[in-house]
Amino acid sequence: MNWNKTAKNNDIVKRIKGILKSHSFTKKLMADYKIPVEDIDNNLEIIIEELDGKFAEGNGKKIFLDKKLFEKDFFKENFHFLIHEFFHWIKRRCEKDFYFNDPEELQSFTLAICWELLNNKDIDKTIYPIIKSHFKDEFQSRKVFNKMVERAKDIIENL
């Protein structure tokens, strides 16, 4: 990428971030999910590149926008692609610390429950307190725990 292209992209990214930080719509979204506006500058990278047929995509830290989106006036015609990915970014930011969004973590707890059940242990004393510690709402913690127990029983049944 040559210097002029990089400078142009930096200007576009700066303008995009300016809109995200200042528009009442995006500010409200961020407030609703308790994401500080500063996270846009500190934790979001916007990259403009060739995406081989995709318009936009993200990974929780970066939003990638296809160069073709800028052939027209991006800010009038194609900003909705960014908003779509921005919302994914917001959700990942607010959930990034939520332990049970990780499928591997869910499976690990489920397998630990299997082990405890196979060894006649009281999972309400050994496993549930760990799960409960990750929730503010006991109803939600019990709901997640019960789903894991159901999965664990299915696994045991199929041994």
C-alpha atoms as a PDB file:
ATOM      1  CA  MET A   1       0.000   0.000   0.000  1.00  0.00           C
ATOM      2  CA  ASN A   2       1.524   3.340  -0.970  1.00  0.00           C
ATOM      3  CA  TRP A   3       1.765   6.358   1.335  1.00  0.00           C
ATOM      4  CA  ASN A   4      -1.117   8.267  -0.301  1.00  0.00           C
ATOM      5  CA  LYS A   5      -3.450   5.270   0.044  1.00  0.00           C
ATOM      6  CA  THR A   6      -2.468   4.798   3.693  1.00  0.00           C
ATOM      7  CA  ALA A   7      -3.003   8.479   4.433  1.00  0.00           C
ATOM      8  CA  LYS A   8      -6.406   8.379   2.738  1.00  0.00           C
ATOM      9  CA  ASN A   9      -7.420   5.261   4.679  1.00  0.00           C
ATOM     10  CA  ASN A  10      -6.276   6.847   7.944  1.00  0.00           C
ATOM     11  CA  ASP A  11      -8.473   9.869   7.199  1.00  0.00           C
ATOM     12  CA  ILE A  12     -11.442   7.606   6.432  1.00  0.00           C
ATOM     13  CA  VAL A  13     -10.905   5.576   9.613  1.00  0.00           C
ATOM     14  CA  LYS A  14     -10.615   8.770  11.656  1.00  0.00           C
ATOM     15  CA  ARG A  15     -13.907  10.019  10.167  1.00  0.00           C
ATOM     16  CA  ILE A  16     -15.631   6.659  10.807  1.00  0.00           C
ATOM     17  CA  LYS A  17     -14.474   6.615  14.428  1.00  0.00           C
ATOM     18  CA  GLY A  18     -15.549  10.239  14.820  1.00  0.00           C
ATOM     19  CA  ILE A  19     -19.063   9.320  13.720  1.00  0.00           C
ATOM     20  CA  LEU A  20     -19.163   6.263  15.980  1.00  0.00           C
ATOM     21  CA  LYS A  21     -18.047   8.347  18.980  1.00  0.00           C
ATOM     22  CA  SER A  22     -20.361  11.281  18.376  1.00  0.00           C
ATOM     23  CA  HIS A  23     -23.572  10.105  16.713  1.00  0.00           C
ATOM     24  CA  SER A  24     -26.487   9.849  19.148  1.00  0.00           C
ATOM     25  CA  PHE A  25     -27.455   6.434  17.738  1.00  0.00           C
ATOM     26  CA  THR A  26     -24.065   4.776  18.264  1.00  0.00           C
ATOM     27  CA  LYS A  27     -23.480   6.555  21.568  1.00  0.00           C
ATOM     28  CA  LYS A  28     -26.809   5.199  22.817  1.00  0.00           C
ATOM     29  CA  LEU A  29     -25.900   1.674  21.689  1.00  0.00           C
ATOM     30  CA  MET A  30     -22.642   1.875  23.557  1.00  0.00           C
ATOM     31  CA  ALA A  31     -24.292   3.304  26.668  1.00  0.00           C
ATOM     32  CA  ASP A  32     -26.933   0.564  26.607  1.00  0.00           C
ATOM     33  CA  TYR A  33     -24.172  -2.050  26.652  1.00  0.00           C
ATOM     34  CA  LYS A  34     -21.982  -0.093  29.077  1.00  0.00           C
ATOM     35  CA  ILE A  35     -19.106   0.255  26.634  1.00  0.00           C
ATOM     36  CA  PRO A  36     -17.090   3.445  27.159  1.00  0.00           C
ATOM     37  CA  VAL A  37     -16.789   5.634  24.067  1.00  0.00           C
ATOM     38  CA  GLU A  38     -13.005   5.609  24.590  1.00  0.00           C
ATOM     39  CA  ASP A  39     -13.024   1.930  23.605  1.00  0.00           C
ATOM     40  CA  ILE A  40     -13.508   3.007  20.002  1.00  0.00           C
ATOM     41  CA  ASP A  41     -10.068   4.593  19.988  1.00  0.00           C
ATOM     42  CA  ASN A  42      -8.421   2.170  22.383  1.00  0.00           C
ATOM     43  CA  ASN A  43      -9.869  -1.193  21.349  1.00  0.00           C
ATOM     44  CA  LEU A  44     -11.211  -1.002  17.822  1.00  0.00           C
ATOM     45  CA  GLU A  45      -9.174  -1.198  14.668  1.00  0.00           C
ATOM     46  CA  ILE A  46     -10.835  -0.515  11.335  1.00  0.00           C
ATOM     47  CA  ILE A  47      -9.078  -1.915   8.292  1.00  0.00           C
ATOM     48  CA  ILE A  48      -9.954  -1.206   4.686  1.00  0.00           C
ATOM     49  CA  GLU A  49      -8.774  -3.946   2.346  1.00  0.00           C
ATOM     50  CA  GLU A  50      -9.840  -6.423  -0.318  1.00  0.00           C
ATOM     51  CA  LEU A  51     -12.158  -8.985   1.286  1.00  0.00           C
ATOM     52  CA  ASP A  52     -12.669 -11.262  -1.696  1.00  0.00           C
ATOM     53  CA  GLY A  53     -16.437 -11.068  -2.028  1.00  0.00           C
ATOM     54  CA  LYS A  54     -17.388 -10.058   1.502  1.00  0.00           C
ATOM     55  CA  PHE A  55     -18.451  -6.513   2.269  1.00  0.00           C
ATOM     56  CA  ALA A  56     -17.399  -6.433   5.909  1.00  0.00           C
ATOM     57  CA  GLU A  57     -16.404  -8.708   8.744  1.00  0.00           C
ATOM     58  CA  GLY A  58     -15.073  -8.465  12.243  1.00  0.00           C
ATOM     59  CA  ASN A  59     -13.314 -10.481  14.875  1.00  0.00           C
ATOM     60  CA  GLY A  60     -14.054  -8.665  18.116  1.00  0.00           C
ATOM     61  CA  LYS A  61     -11.045  -6.378  17.879  1.00  0.00           C
ATOM     62  CA  LYS A  62     -11.053  -5.339  14.241  1.00  0.00           C
ATOM     63  CA  ILE A  63     -13.639  -4.436  11.658  1.00  0.00           C
ATOM     64  CA  PHE A  64     -12.605  -5.138   8.102  1.00  0.00           C
ATOM     65  CA  LEU A  65     -14.301  -3.183   5.307  1.00  0.00           C
ATOM     66  CA  ASP A  66     -13.972  -4.112   1.667  1.00  0.00           C
ATOM     67  CA  LYS A  67     -12.369  -1.467  -0.534  1.00  0.00           C
ATOM     68  CA  LYS A  68     -15.310  -1.723  -2.933  1.00  0.00           C
ATOM     69  CA  LEU A  69     -17.567  -0.122  -0.310  1.00  0.00           C
ATOM     70  CA  PHE A  70     -15.689   3.115  -0.930  1.00  0.00           C
ATOM     71  CA  GLU A  71     -16.283   3.219  -4.686  1.00  0.00           C
ATOM     72  CA  LYS A  72     -19.519   5.057  -3.858  1.00  0.00           C
ATOM     73  CA  ASP A  73     -19.949   7.509  -1.010  1.00  0.00           C
ATOM     74  CA  PHE A  74     -19.394   5.097   1.871  1.00  0.00           C
ATOM     75  CA  PHE A  75     -20.891   7.455   4.436  1.00  0.00           C
ATOM     76  CA  LYS A  76     -24.165   7.823   2.517  1.00  0.00           C
ATOM     77  CA  GLU A  77     -24.496   4.463   0.770  1.00  0.00           C
ATOM     78  CA  ASN A  78     -22.644   1.794   2.716  1.00  0.00           C
ATOM     79  CA  PHE A  79     -22.237   2.853   6.347  1.00  0.00           C
ATOM     80  CA  HIS A  80     -24.829   0.237   7.338  1.00  0.00           C
ATOM     81  CA  PHE A  81     -22.208  -2.463   6.724  1.00  0.00           C
ATOM     82  CA  LEU A  82     -20.040  -0.855   9.366  1.00  0.00           C
ATOM     83  CA  ILE A  83     -22.970  -0.512  11.790  1.00  0.00           C
ATOM     84  CA  HIS A  84     -23.683  -4.227  11.429  1.00  0.00           C
ATOM     85  CA  GLU A  85     -20.098  -5.135  12.344  1.00  0.00           C
ATOM     86  CA  PHE A  86     -19.952  -2.401  14.993  1.00  0.00           C
ATOM     87  CA  PHE A  87     -22.824  -4.022  16.840  1.00  0.00           C
ATOM     88  CA  HIS A  88     -21.001  -7.362  16.781  1.00  0.00           C
ATOM     89  CA  TRP A  89     -17.971  -5.524  18.209  1.00  0.00           C
ATOM     90  CA  ILE A  90     -20.121  -3.971  20.957  1.00  0.00           C
ATOM     91  CA  LYS A  91     -21.571  -7.352  21.910  1.00  0.00           C
ATOM     92  CA  ARG A  92     -18.145  -8.936  22.018  1.00  0.00           C
ATOM     93  CA  ARG A  93     -16.812  -6.038  24.108  1.00  0.00           C
ATOM     94  CA  CYS A  94     -19.574  -6.313  26.689  1.00  0.00           C
ATOM     95  CA  GLU A  95     -19.443 -10.101  26.736  1.00  0.00           C
ATOM     96  CA  LYS A  96     -15.702 -10.532  26.468  1.00  0.00           C
ATOM     97  CA  ASP A  97     -15.429 -11.202  30.169  1.00  0.00           C
ATOM     98  CA  PHE A  98     -18.425 -13.483  30.307  1.00  0.00           C
ATOM     99  CA  TYR A  99     -16.858 -16.820  30.922  1.00  0.00           C
ATOM    100  CA  PHE A 100     -19.618 -18.964  29.478  1.00  0.00           C
ATOM    101  CA  ASN A 101     -19.563 -17.471  25.986  1.00  0.00           C
ATOM    102  CA  ASP A 102     -16.620 -19.732  25.274  1.00  0.00           C
ATOM    103  CA  PRO A 103     -17.844 -23.124  23.972  1.00  0.00           C
ATOM    104  CA  GLU A 104     -14.646 -24.749  25.206  1.00  0.00           C
ATOM    105  CA  GLU A 105     -15.346 -23.471  28.727  1.00  0.00           C
ATOM    106  CA  LEU A 106     -18.898 -24.851  28.579  1.00  0.00           C
ATOM    107  CA  GLN A 107     -17.636 -28.231  27.430  1.00  0.00           C
ATOM    108  CA  SER A 108     -14.930 -28.278  30.092  1.00  0.00           C
ATOM    109  CA  PHE A 109     -17.466 -27.674  32.854  1.00  0.00           C
ATOM    110  CA  THR A 110     -19.812 -30.240  31.344  1.00  0.00           C
ATOM    111  CA  LEU A 111     -17.049 -32.839  31.359  1.00  0.00           C
ATOM    112  CA  ALA A 112     -16.143 -31.945  34.945  1.00  0.00           C
ATOM    113  CA  ILE A 113     -19.806 -32.498  35.842  1.00  0.00           C
ATOM    114  CA  CYS A 114     -19.654 -35.890  34.078  1.00  0.00           C
ATOM    115  CA  TRP A 115     -16.644 -36.863  36.141  1.00  0.00           C
ATOM    116  CA  GLU A 116     -18.250 -35.812  39.390  1.00  0.00           C
ATOM    117  CA  LEU A 117     -21.498 -37.633  38.566  1.00  0.00           C
ATOM    118  CA  LEU A 118     -19.593 -40.777  37.608  1.00  0.00           C
ATOM    119  CA  ASN A 119     -17.862 -40.599  40.982  1.00  0.00           C
ATOM    120  CA  ASN A 120     -21.092 -39.977  42.915  1.00  0.00           C
ATOM    121  CA  LYS A 121     -20.071 -36.469  43.969  1.00  0.00           C
ATOM    122  CA  ASP A 122     -22.514 -33.709  44.849  1.00  0.00           C
ATOM    123  CA  ILE A 123     -22.180 -31.365  41.885  1.00  0.00           C
ATOM    124  CA  ASP A 124     -24.215 -28.737  43.733  1.00  0.00           C
ATOM    125  CA  LYS A 125     -21.282 -28.518  46.146  1.00  0.00           C
ATOM    126  CA  THR A 126     -18.344 -29.096  43.824  1.00  0.00           C
ATOM    127  CA  ILE A 127     -19.239 -27.507  40.479  1.00  0.00           C
ATOM    128  CA  TYR A 128     -22.238 -25.246  40.949  1.00  0.00           C
ATOM    129  CA  PRO A 129     -20.510 -22.747  43.282  1.00  0.00           C
ATOM    130  CA  ILE A 130     -17.873 -22.139  40.614  1.00  0.00           C
ATOM    131  CA  ILE A 131     -20.508 -21.512  37.951  1.00  0.00           C
ATOM    132  CA  LYS A 132     -22.616 -19.376  40.276  1.00  0.00           C
ATOM    133  CA  SER A 133     -19.623 -17.110  40.970  1.00  0.00           C
ATOM    134  CA  HIS A 134     -19.714 -15.947  37.343  1.00  0.00           C
ATOM    135  CA  PHE A 135     -23.286 -14.649  37.523  1.00  0.00           C
ATOM    136  CA  LYS A 136     -25.097 -11.814  39.251  1.00  0.00           C
ATOM    137  CA  ASP A 137     -28.454 -13.554  38.867  1.00  0.00           C
ATOM    138  CA  GLU A 138     -28.894 -16.940  40.548  1.00  0.00           C
ATOM    139  CA  PHE A 139     -31.730 -17.866  38.184  1.00  0.00           C
ATOM    140  CA  GLN A 140     -29.365 -17.468  35.219  1.00  0.00           C
ATOM    141  CA  SER A 141     -26.557 -19.394  36.919  1.00  0.00           C
ATOM    142  CA  ARG A 142     -28.905 -22.247  37.733  1.00  0.00           C
ATOM    143  CA  LYS A 143     -30.248 -22.256  34.171  1.00  0.00           C
ATOM    144  CA  VAL A 144     -26.746 -22.530  32.658  1.00  0.00           C
ATOM    145  CA  PHE A 145     -25.744 -25.149  35.221  1.00  0.00           C
ATOM    146  CA  ASN A 146     -28.855 -27.244  34.556  1.00  0.00           C
ATOM    147  CA  LYS A 147     -28.142 -27.245  30.805  1.00  0.00           C
ATOM    148  CA  MET A 148     -24.618 -28.463  31.503  1.00  0.00           C
ATOM    149  CA  VAL A 149     -25.980 -31.186  33.777  1.00  0.00           C
ATOM    150  CA  GLU A 150     -28.374 -32.312  31.035  1.00  0.00           C
ATOM    151  CA  ARG A 151     -25.497 -32.484  28.548  1.00  0.00           C
ATOM    152  CA  ALA A 152     -23.357 -34.338  31.071  1.00  0.00           C
ATOM    153  CA  LYS A 153     -26.080 -36.924  31.656  1.00  0.00           C
ATOM    154  CA  ASP A 154     -26.406 -37.429  27.892  1.00  0.00           C
ATOM    155  CA  ILE A 155     -22.668 -38.002  27.631  1.00  0.00           C
ATOM    156  CA  ILE A 156     -22.738 -40.506  30.499  1.00  0.00           C
ATOM    157  CA  GLU A 157     -25.733 -42.288  29.018  1.00  0.00           C
ATOM    158  CA  ASN A 158     -23.802 -42.813  25.790  1.00  0.00           C
ATOM    159  CA  LEU A 159     -20.669 -44.252  27.384  1.00  0.00           C
END
